[in-house]
Amino acid sequence: MILKRLTTAVREQNWTAVIIEFVIVLSGVVIGFQITAWNETRQDADREALIIARLHADFIAIESDVATVIADLNRRSEAAGGFLTLIRDDAVDANSEAFQLGLANTIGTPVPAGRSATYVDLLESGDMRLIRSEELRRALIEFDEQVRRHEMAYETLATLVIDNTGVLLDYQSLLRAVGSEPGIYAEAIEATRRSPELITSAQMMQNVSQVNLAWHRGRQTTTEAVLAALQGELD
């Protein structure tokens, strides 16, 4: 209909009508683009809100996991220090509950808490652009880089654990096997107890727990920074 009126106006050289029709057409195009842009902006805002909610849920869980690991590492570090004291105290029986509990808690170290699944999805999908807050983007990047560095460094800790828990596990197995009456194994128990290998392994496991603890405390700080930035978006 508009094209017909425009053709008629040109044929009749009615330039006023031609200008009016052009204005109508251009106005319709501009309004159409504005509506499309508004819809896209609204959709992006809705997607951003969903992403923020998912990230918040992720980091609440991560915060809880990190706090649990920190508590575990504190316990392990203290246990290793206590076990070293028990080893050197002749008044403490190697078959006592305190001695065996200290030994058990000295062995091993927790695996680092992982990345945010939502953040990984954002990187893979290219949807990081939807997060408008520069503070939140920086906090997420810093957290994820820290996690990746921790994961790579943990390989060294894992090697130390493997190399040093063997003698501790063997000693634990020996104590469990003989029970409260070591009998003919009493001498072997005491010799192993005072061996440089056992003491060195216990010291190394204490160091491993302390290093891992320091890393997780740093993880806790960056997690709190992400949560603070997320809360700013939720408020």
C-alpha atoms as a PDB file:
ATOM      1  CA  MET A   1       0.000   0.000   0.000  1.00  0.00           C
ATOM      2  CA  ILE A   2       2.812   2.424   0.911  1.00  0.00           C
ATOM      3  CA  LEU A   3       4.729   1.498  -2.251  1.00  0.00           C
ATOM      4  CA  LYS A   4       1.634   2.164  -4.385  1.00  0.00           C
ATOM      5  CA  ARG A   5       1.090   5.569  -2.784  1.00  0.00           C
ATOM      6  CA  LEU A   6       4.768   6.419  -3.211  1.00  0.00           C
ATOM      7  CA  THR A   7       4.723   5.414  -6.886  1.00  0.00           C
ATOM      8  CA  THR A   8       1.608   7.512  -7.482  1.00  0.00           C
ATOM      9  CA  ALA A   9       3.132  10.519  -5.733  1.00  0.00           C
ATOM     10  CA  VAL A  10       6.349  10.276  -7.807  1.00  0.00           C
ATOM     11  CA  ARG A  11       4.364   9.955 -11.031  1.00  0.00           C
ATOM     12  CA  GLU A  12       2.327  12.996 -10.102  1.00  0.00           C
ATOM     13  CA  GLN A  13       5.500  14.779  -8.894  1.00  0.00           C
ATOM     14  CA  ASN A  14       3.827  15.358  -5.554  1.00  0.00           C
ATOM     15  CA  TRP A  15       7.098  15.753  -3.671  1.00  0.00           C
ATOM     16  CA  THR A  16       5.451  16.633  -0.403  1.00  0.00           C
ATOM     17  CA  ALA A  17       3.630  13.304  -0.441  1.00  0.00           C
ATOM     18  CA  VAL A  18       6.869  11.546  -1.437  1.00  0.00           C
ATOM     19  CA  ILE A  19       8.699  13.050   1.557  1.00  0.00           C
ATOM     20  CA  ILE A  20       5.848  12.130   3.890  1.00  0.00           C
ATOM     21  CA  GLU A  21       5.848   8.516   2.669  1.00  0.00           C
ATOM     22  CA  PHE A  22       9.648   8.296   3.067  1.00  0.00           C
ATOM     23  CA  VAL A  23       9.368   9.640   6.602  1.00  0.00           C
ATOM     24  CA  ILE A  24       6.691   7.056   7.391  1.00  0.00           C
ATOM     25  CA  VAL A  25       8.848   4.238   5.989  1.00  0.00           C
ATOM     26  CA  LEU A  26      12.000   5.375   7.800  1.00  0.00           C
ATOM     27  CA  SER A  27      10.115   5.855  11.038  1.00  0.00           C
ATOM     28  CA  GLY A  28       8.793   2.319  10.787  1.00  0.00           C
ATOM     29  CA  VAL A  29      12.301   0.945  10.184  1.00  0.00           C
ATOM     30  CA  VAL A  30      13.763   2.930  13.100  1.00  0.00           C
ATOM     31  CA  ILE A  31      10.977   1.860  15.432  1.00  0.00           C
ATOM     32  CA  GLY A  32      11.454  -1.745  14.323  1.00  0.00           C
ATOM     33  CA  PHE A  33      15.170  -1.598  15.084  1.00  0.00           C
ATOM     34  CA  GLN A  34      14.479   0.011  18.452  1.00  0.00           C
ATOM     35  CA  ILE A  35      11.985  -2.690  19.381  1.00  0.00           C
ATOM     36  CA  THR A  36      14.433  -5.416  18.313  1.00  0.00           C
ATOM     37  CA  ALA A  37      17.260  -3.786  20.281  1.00  0.00           C
ATOM     38  CA  TRP A  38      15.015  -3.385  23.325  1.00  0.00           C
ATOM     39  CA  ASN A  39      13.991  -7.044  23.143  1.00  0.00           C
ATOM     40  CA  GLU A  40      17.628  -8.155  22.846  1.00  0.00           C
ATOM     41  CA  THR A  41      18.642  -5.943  25.755  1.00  0.00           C
ATOM     42  CA  ARG A  42      15.840  -7.330  27.871  1.00  0.00           C
ATOM     43  CA  GLN A  43      16.760 -10.909  26.933  1.00  0.00           C
ATOM     44  CA  ASP A  44      20.427 -10.240  27.750  1.00  0.00           C
ATOM     45  CA  ALA A  45      19.417  -8.747  31.106  1.00  0.00           C
ATOM     46  CA  ASP A  46      17.277 -11.812  31.866  1.00  0.00           C
ATOM     47  CA  ARG A  47      20.148 -14.135  30.927  1.00  0.00           C
ATOM     48  CA  GLU A  48      22.578 -12.113  33.024  1.00  0.00           C
ATOM     49  CA  ALA A  49      20.256 -12.370  36.034  1.00  0.00           C
ATOM     50  CA  LEU A  50      20.075 -16.145  35.570  1.00  0.00           C
ATOM     51  CA  ILE A  51      23.866 -16.372  35.272  1.00  0.00           C
ATOM     52  CA  ILE A  52      24.333 -14.270  38.406  1.00  0.00           C
ATOM     53  CA  ALA A  53      21.969 -16.557  40.320  1.00  0.00           C
ATOM     54  CA  ARG A  54      23.820 -19.669  39.111  1.00  0.00           C
ATOM     55  CA  LEU A  55      27.209 -18.166  39.968  1.00  0.00           C
ATOM     56  CA  HIS A  56      25.937 -17.229  43.413  1.00  0.00           C
ATOM     57  CA  ALA A  57      24.805 -20.803  44.034  1.00  0.00           C
ATOM     58  CA  ASP A  58      28.175 -22.114  42.780  1.00  0.00           C
ATOM     59  CA  PHE A  59      30.206 -19.880  45.050  1.00  0.00           C
ATOM     60  CA  ILE A  60      28.058 -20.485  48.113  1.00  0.00           C
ATOM     61  CA  ALA A  61      28.863 -24.191  47.624  1.00  0.00           C
ATOM     62  CA  ILE A  62      32.536 -23.435  46.935  1.00  0.00           C
ATOM     63  CA  GLU A  63      32.752 -21.297  50.077  1.00  0.00           C
ATOM     64  CA  SER A  64      31.338 -24.171  52.121  1.00  0.00           C
ATOM     65  CA  ASP A  65      33.722 -26.686  50.517  1.00  0.00           C
ATOM     66  CA  VAL A  66      36.756 -24.466  51.104  1.00  0.00           C
ATOM     67  CA  ALA A  67      35.777 -23.891  54.743  1.00  0.00           C
ATOM     68  CA  THR A  68      35.447 -27.665  55.217  1.00  0.00           C
ATOM     69  CA  VAL A  69      38.873 -28.288  53.653  1.00  0.00           C
ATOM     70  CA  ILE A  70      40.460 -25.557  55.793  1.00  0.00           C
ATOM     71  CA  ALA A  71      39.034 -27.139  58.945  1.00  0.00           C
ATOM     72  CA  ASP A  72      40.332 -30.537  57.814  1.00  0.00           C
ATOM     73  CA  LEU A  73      43.796 -29.139  57.032  1.00  0.00           C
ATOM     74  CA  ASN A  74      43.965 -27.350  60.379  1.00  0.00           C
ATOM     75  CA  ARG A  75      43.163 -30.630  62.059  1.00  0.00           C
ATOM     76  CA  ARG A  76      45.740 -32.522  59.985  1.00  0.00           C
ATOM     77  CA  SER A  77      48.478 -29.961  60.576  1.00  0.00           C
ATOM     78  CA  GLU A  78      47.848 -29.968  64.316  1.00  0.00           C
ATOM     79  CA  ALA A  79      47.651 -33.765  64.323  1.00  0.00           C
ATOM     80  CA  ALA A  80      50.988 -34.067  62.515  1.00  0.00           C
ATOM     81  CA  GLY A  81      52.631 -31.710  65.008  1.00  0.00           C
ATOM     82  CA  GLY A  82      51.075 -33.638  67.866  1.00  0.00           C
ATOM     83  CA  PHE A  83      52.136 -36.952  66.381  1.00  0.00           C
ATOM     84  CA  LEU A  84      55.752 -35.793  66.174  1.00  0.00           C
ATOM     85  CA  THR A  85      55.569 -34.973  69.874  1.00  0.00           C
ATOM     86  CA  LEU A  86      54.037 -38.365  70.657  1.00  0.00           C
ATOM     87  CA  ILE A  87      56.735 -40.187  68.694  1.00  0.00           C
ATOM     88  CA  ARG A  88      59.434 -38.679  70.903  1.00  0.00           C
ATOM     89  CA  ASP A  89      57.558 -39.206  74.177  1.00  0.00           C
ATOM     90  CA  ASP A  90      58.530 -42.600  75.617  1.00  0.00           C
ATOM     91  CA  ALA A  91      55.659 -42.393  78.086  1.00  0.00           C
ATOM     92  CA  VAL A  92      53.139 -42.642  75.239  1.00  0.00           C
ATOM     93  CA  ASP A  93      52.267 -46.165  74.133  1.00  0.00           C
ATOM     94  CA  ALA A  94      52.357 -46.628  70.343  1.00  0.00           C
ATOM     95  CA  ASN A  95      49.147 -48.653  70.644  1.00  0.00           C
ATOM     96  CA  SER A  96      47.302 -45.904  72.494  1.00  0.00           C
ATOM     97  CA  GLU A  97      44.275 -44.268  70.891  1.00  0.00           C
ATOM     98  CA  ALA A  98      45.941 -40.845  70.895  1.00  0.00           C
ATOM     99  CA  PHE A  99      49.037 -42.157  69.119  1.00  0.00           C
ATOM    100  CA  GLN A 100      47.110 -44.036  66.441  1.00  0.00           C
ATOM    101  CA  LEU A 101      44.669 -41.162  65.891  1.00  0.00           C
ATOM    102  CA  GLY A 102      47.590 -38.767  65.439  1.00  0.00           C
ATOM    103  CA  LEU A 103      49.171 -41.152  62.957  1.00  0.00           C
ATOM    104  CA  ALA A 104      45.929 -41.550  60.979  1.00  0.00           C
ATOM    105  CA  ASN A 105      45.391 -37.806  60.737  1.00  0.00           C
ATOM    106  CA  THR A 106      48.962 -37.224  59.595  1.00  0.00           C
ATOM    107  CA  ILE A 107      48.475 -39.309  56.453  1.00  0.00           C
ATOM    108  CA  GLY A 108      47.249 -37.615  53.261  1.00  0.00           C
ATOM    109  CA  THR A 109      45.982 -34.160  52.303  1.00  0.00           C
ATOM    110  CA  PRO A 110      42.675 -33.057  50.714  1.00  0.00           C
ATOM    111  CA  VAL A 111      42.372 -32.467  46.985  1.00  0.00           C
ATOM    112  CA  PRO A 112      41.799 -28.769  46.125  1.00  0.00           C
ATOM    113  CA  ALA A 113      38.225 -27.586  45.650  1.00  0.00           C
ATOM    114  CA  GLY A 114      37.335 -27.232  41.953  1.00  0.00           C
ATOM    115  CA  ARG A 115      36.295 -24.492  39.525  1.00  0.00           C
ATOM    116  CA  SER A 116      32.863 -22.928  39.148  1.00  0.00           C
ATOM    117  CA  ALA A 117      30.907 -24.953  36.571  1.00  0.00           C
ATOM    118  CA  THR A 118      28.910 -21.861  35.609  1.00  0.00           C
ATOM    119  CA  TYR A 119      32.080 -19.843  34.994  1.00  0.00           C
ATOM    120  CA  VAL A 120      33.496 -22.634  32.818  1.00  0.00           C
ATOM    121  CA  ASP A 121      30.247 -22.625  30.811  1.00  0.00           C
ATOM    122  CA  LEU A 122      30.528 -18.855  30.368  1.00  0.00           C
ATOM    123  CA  LEU A 123      34.034 -19.174  28.980  1.00  0.00           C
ATOM    124  CA  GLU A 124      33.101 -21.981  26.597  1.00  0.00           C
ATOM    125  CA  SER A 125      29.904 -20.288  25.356  1.00  0.00           C
ATOM    126  CA  GLY A 126      31.359 -16.785  25.087  1.00  0.00           C
ATOM    127  CA  ASP A 127      28.637 -15.428  27.379  1.00  0.00           C
ATOM    128  CA  MET A 128      31.075 -13.595  29.659  1.00  0.00           C
ATOM    129  CA  ARG A 129      30.049 -10.496  27.709  1.00  0.00           C
ATOM    130  CA  LEU A 130      26.671 -10.658  29.466  1.00  0.00           C
ATOM    131  CA  ILE A 131      28.292  -9.826  32.804  1.00  0.00           C
ATOM    132  CA  ARG A 132      28.404  -6.053  32.843  1.00  0.00           C
ATOM    133  CA  SER A 133      30.087  -5.599  36.226  1.00  0.00           C
ATOM    134  CA  GLU A 134      33.822  -5.112  35.760  1.00  0.00           C
ATOM    135  CA  GLU A 135      34.372  -5.849  39.455  1.00  0.00           C
ATOM    136  CA  LEU A 136      32.615  -9.212  39.147  1.00  0.00           C
ATOM    137  CA  ARG A 137      34.492 -10.104  35.960  1.00  0.00           C
ATOM    138  CA  ARG A 138      37.843  -9.362  37.626  1.00  0.00           C
ATOM    139  CA  ALA A 139      36.930 -11.351  40.732  1.00  0.00           C
ATOM    140  CA  LEU A 140      35.852 -14.363  38.662  1.00  0.00           C
ATOM    141  CA  ILE A 141      39.019 -14.288  36.548  1.00  0.00           C
ATOM    142  CA  GLU A 142      41.254 -13.976  39.609  1.00  0.00           C
ATOM    143  CA  PHE A 143      39.481 -16.861  41.355  1.00  0.00           C
ATOM    144  CA  ASP A 144      39.682 -19.148  38.340  1.00  0.00           C
ATOM    145  CA  GLU A 145      43.355 -18.369  37.710  1.00  0.00           C
ATOM    146  CA  GLN A 146      44.091 -19.135  41.341  1.00  0.00           C
ATOM    147  CA  VAL A 147      42.249 -22.464  41.088  1.00  0.00           C
ATOM    148  CA  ARG A 148      44.220 -23.442  37.992  1.00  0.00           C
ATOM    149  CA  ARG A 149      47.542 -22.548  39.628  1.00  0.00           C
ATOM    150  CA  HIS A 150      46.548 -24.502  42.728  1.00  0.00           C
ATOM    151  CA  GLU A 151      45.612 -27.558  40.661  1.00  0.00           C
ATOM    152  CA  MET A 152      48.966 -27.536  38.869  1.00  0.00           C
ATOM    153  CA  ALA A 153      50.918 -27.010  42.091  1.00  0.00           C
ATOM    154  CA  TYR A 154      48.944 -29.773  43.812  1.00  0.00           C
ATOM    155  CA  GLU A 155      50.665 -32.295  41.572  1.00  0.00           C
ATOM    156  CA  THR A 156      53.857 -31.564  43.528  1.00  0.00           C
ATOM    157  CA  LEU A 157      52.048 -32.034  46.834  1.00  0.00           C
ATOM    158  CA  ALA A 158      50.515 -35.272  45.577  1.00  0.00           C
ATOM    159  CA  THR A 159      53.995 -36.571  44.749  1.00  0.00           C
ATOM    160  CA  LEU A 160      55.201 -35.673  48.252  1.00  0.00           C
ATOM    161  CA  VAL A 161      52.199 -37.472  49.755  1.00  0.00           C
ATOM    162  CA  ILE A 162      52.865 -40.599  47.711  1.00  0.00           C
ATOM    163  CA  ASP A 163      56.571 -40.536  48.533  1.00  0.00           C
ATOM    164  CA  ASN A 164      56.095 -40.028  52.266  1.00  0.00           C
ATOM    165  CA  THR A 165      52.953 -41.872  53.312  1.00  0.00           C
ATOM    166  CA  GLY A 166      54.310 -45.332  52.517  1.00  0.00           C
ATOM    167  CA  VAL A 167      56.291 -45.676  55.740  1.00  0.00           C
ATOM    168  CA  LEU A 168      53.416 -44.127  57.729  1.00  0.00           C
ATOM    169  CA  LEU A 169      50.875 -46.511  56.223  1.00  0.00           C
ATOM    170  CA  ASP A 170      53.164 -49.495  56.843  1.00  0.00           C
ATOM    171  CA  TYR A 171      53.581 -48.463  60.457  1.00  0.00           C
ATOM    172  CA  GLN A 172      49.828 -47.963  60.799  1.00  0.00           C
ATOM    173  CA  SER A 173      49.205 -51.444  59.380  1.00  0.00           C
ATOM    174  CA  LEU A 174      51.753 -52.954  61.789  1.00  0.00           C
ATOM    175  CA  LEU A 175      50.132 -51.323  64.819  1.00  0.00           C
ATOM    176  CA  ARG A 176      46.667 -52.464  63.743  1.00  0.00           C
ATOM    177  CA  ALA A 177      47.878 -55.993  63.073  1.00  0.00           C
ATOM    178  CA  VAL A 178      49.469 -56.531  66.501  1.00  0.00           C
ATOM    179  CA  GLY A 179      46.772 -54.709  68.467  1.00  0.00           C
ATOM    180  CA  SER A 180      47.272 -54.035  72.168  1.00  0.00           C
ATOM    181  CA  GLU A 181      49.695 -56.949  72.670  1.00  0.00           C
ATOM    182  CA  PRO A 182      52.665 -56.440  70.335  1.00  0.00           C
ATOM    183  CA  GLY A 183      54.506 -59.494  71.657  1.00  0.00           C
ATOM    184  CA  ILE A 184      57.429 -60.349  69.421  1.00  0.00           C
ATOM    185  CA  TYR A 185      56.758 -57.245  67.315  1.00  0.00           C
ATOM    186  CA  ALA A 186      57.361 -54.833  70.194  1.00  0.00           C
ATOM    187  CA  GLU A 187      60.987 -54.263  69.243  1.00  0.00           C
ATOM    188  CA  ALA A 188      60.120 -53.645  65.574  1.00  0.00           C
ATOM    189  CA  ILE A 189      57.400 -51.198  66.605  1.00  0.00           C
ATOM    190  CA  GLU A 190      59.775 -49.190  68.755  1.00  0.00           C
ATOM    191  CA  ALA A 191      62.583 -49.281  66.186  1.00  0.00           C
ATOM    192  CA  THR A 192      60.254 -47.987  63.464  1.00  0.00           C
ATOM    193  CA  ARG A 193      58.860 -45.371  65.825  1.00  0.00           C
ATOM    194  CA  ARG A 194      62.307 -43.847  66.287  1.00  0.00           C
ATOM    195  CA  SER A 195      63.461 -44.295  62.725  1.00  0.00           C
ATOM    196  CA  PRO A 196      64.518 -41.170  60.793  1.00  0.00           C
ATOM    197  CA  GLU A 197      62.248 -42.292  57.930  1.00  0.00           C
ATOM    198  CA  LEU A 198      59.090 -42.208  60.063  1.00  0.00           C
ATOM    199  CA  ILE A 199      59.937 -38.859  61.656  1.00  0.00           C
ATOM    200  CA  THR A 200      60.920 -37.314  58.317  1.00  0.00           C
ATOM    201  CA  SER A 201      57.705 -38.551  56.698  1.00  0.00           C
ATOM    202  CA  ALA A 202      55.579 -37.145  59.521  1.00  0.00           C
ATOM    203  CA  GLN A 203      57.386 -33.792  59.265  1.00  0.00           C
ATOM    204  CA  MET A 204      56.918 -33.739  55.504  1.00  0.00           C
ATOM    205  CA  MET A 205      53.194 -34.478  55.817  1.00  0.00           C
ATOM    206  CA  GLN A 206      52.862 -31.623  58.299  1.00  0.00           C
ATOM    207  CA  ASN A 207      54.559 -29.323  55.762  1.00  0.00           C
ATOM    208  CA  VAL A 208      52.237 -30.556  52.996  1.00  0.00           C
ATOM    209  CA  SER A 209      49.161 -29.806  55.100  1.00  0.00           C
ATOM    210  CA  GLN A 210      50.474 -26.352  56.003  1.00  0.00           C
ATOM    211  CA  VAL A 211      51.190 -25.473  52.357  1.00  0.00           C
ATOM    212  CA  ASN A 212      47.781 -26.748  51.277  1.00  0.00           C
ATOM    213  CA  LEU A 213      46.216 -24.797  54.148  1.00  0.00           C
ATOM    214  CA  ALA A 214      47.886 -21.566  52.993  1.00  0.00           C
ATOM    215  CA  TRP A 215      46.596 -22.142  49.463  1.00  0.00           C
ATOM    216  CA  HIS A 216      43.049 -22.749  50.671  1.00  0.00           C
ATOM    217  CA  ARG A 217      43.091 -19.650  52.844  1.00  0.00           C
ATOM    218  CA  GLY A 218      43.980 -17.704  49.710  1.00  0.00           C
ATOM    219  CA  ARG A 219      41.133 -19.506  47.929  1.00  0.00           C
ATOM    220  CA  GLN A 220      38.793 -18.469  50.715  1.00  0.00           C
ATOM    221  CA  THR A 221      39.758 -14.813  50.243  1.00  0.00           C
ATOM    222  CA  THR A 222      39.122 -14.838  46.486  1.00  0.00           C
ATOM    223  CA  THR A 223      35.850 -16.732  47.000  1.00  0.00           C
ATOM    224  CA  GLU A 224      34.672 -14.054  49.408  1.00  0.00           C
ATOM    225  CA  ALA A 225      35.605 -11.373  46.854  1.00  0.00           C
ATOM    226  CA  VAL A 226      33.485 -13.079  44.196  1.00  0.00           C
ATOM    227  CA  LEU A 227      30.547 -13.438  46.590  1.00  0.00           C
ATOM    228  CA  ALA A 228      30.799  -9.765  47.551  1.00  0.00           C
ATOM    229  CA  ALA A 229      30.728  -8.758  43.876  1.00  0.00           C
ATOM    230  CA  LEU A 230      27.794 -11.097  43.237  1.00  0.00           C
ATOM    231  CA  GLN A 231      25.895  -9.697  46.202  1.00  0.00           C
ATOM    232  CA  GLY A 232      26.369  -6.231  44.747  1.00  0.00           C
ATOM    233  CA  GLU A 233      24.621  -7.429  41.589  1.00  0.00           C
ATOM    234  CA  LEU A 234      21.822  -9.139  43.511  1.00  0.00           C
ATOM    235  CA  ASP A 235      21.025  -6.141  45.732  1.00  0.00           C
END
